[in-house]
């Protein structure tokens, strides 16, 4: 299954290096989660498999994007 990057705006705005720097771990509920530390992005594997896009609010994403641009 493929998920469009547009579903996950932080991944969409990431560099290839950032996008490729991930790990999988199990959360406290025993679910597998993919984590991109540099992007502060967590995506439950079940969300990918079920076709669920990011639920991050546009306000939260805009704050993250502004901080990212300021740091560059």
Protein backbone atom coordinates (compact mmCIF):
# COMPACT_ATOMS: atom_id res chain seq x y z
CA UNK A 1 0.00 0.00 0.00
CA UNK A 2 1.16 3.51 -0.78
CA UNK A 3 0.08 6.59 1.13
CA UNK A 4 0.33 10.00 -0.54
CA UNK A 5 2.85 12.34 1.08
CA UNK A 6 0.16 15.03 0.96
CA UNK A 7 -1.59 13.10 3.75
CA UNK A 8 1.40 13.81 6.01
CA UNK A 9 2.48 17.44 5.51
CA UNK A 10 5.58 17.18 7.69
CA UNK A 11 6.86 14.35 5.52
CA UNK A 12 5.90 16.29 2.40
CA UNK A 13 8.05 19.25 3.52
CA UNK A 14 10.97 17.08 4.68
CA UNK A 15 14.22 16.59 2.86
CA UNK A 16 14.94 13.11 1.52
CA UNK A 17 17.47 12.63 4.32
CA UNK A 18 14.90 13.57 6.98
CA UNK A 19 12.24 11.38 5.38
CA UNK A 20 14.62 8.41 5.34
CA UNK A 21 15.61 8.80 9.01
CA UNK A 22 12.88 6.86 10.80
CA UNK A 23 12.42 4.02 13.24
CA UNK A 24 9.59 1.74 14.31
CA UNK A 25 8.70 1.21 17.93
CA UNK A 26 5.81 -0.08 19.98
CA UNK A 27 3.74 2.48 21.89
CA UNK A 28 2.32 1.97 25.37
CA UNK A 29 -0.77 0.30 23.86
CA UNK A 30 1.31 -2.24 21.95
CA UNK A 31 0.77 -0.61 18.55
CA UNK A 32 3.60 -0.24 16.05
CA UNK A 33 4.41 3.39 15.32
CA UNK A 34 6.79 4.92 12.79
CA UNK A 35 8.74 7.85 14.21
CA UNK A 36 10.67 10.58 12.41
CA UNK A 37 12.53 12.29 15.25
CA UNK A 38 13.87 15.19 13.18
CA UNK A 39 10.33 16.00 12.06
CA UNK A 40 8.61 15.24 15.37
CA UNK A 41 6.23 13.01 13.39
CA UNK A 42 4.61 9.82 14.67
CA UNK A 43 2.40 7.74 12.42
CA UNK A 44 0.74 4.58 13.71
CA UNK A 45 1.21 1.72 11.26
CA UNK A 46 -2.50 0.97 11.51
CA UNK A 47 -3.22 4.50 10.20
CA UNK A 48 -1.11 3.84 7.12
CA UNK A 49 -2.72 0.47 6.53
CA UNK A 50 -6.24 1.84 6.92
CA UNK A 51 -5.61 4.89 4.71
CA UNK A 52 -6.00 7.44 7.49
CA UNK A 53 -4.30 10.79 6.76
CA UNK A 54 -2.65 12.96 9.39
CA UNK A 55 -4.99 14.46 11.95
CA UNK A 56 -2.65 17.31 12.81
CA UNK A 57 -4.47 20.62 12.81
CA UNK A 58 -3.52 23.20 10.23
CA UNK A 59 -2.65 25.56 13.08
CA UNK A 60 -0.20 23.08 14.58
CA UNK A 61 1.35 22.36 11.19
CA UNK A 62 1.72 26.06 10.38
CA UNK A 63 3.52 26.65 13.71
CA UNK A 64 5.85 23.73 12.97
CA UNK A 65 6.52 24.98 9.44
CA UNK A 66 7.22 28.54 10.65
CA UNK A 67 9.67 27.26 13.27
CA UNK A 68 11.34 25.10 10.64
CA UNK A 69 11.77 28.06 8.28
CA UNK A 70 13.10 30.26 11.10
CA UNK A 71 15.70 27.63 12.02
CA UNK A 72 16.93 27.30 8.41
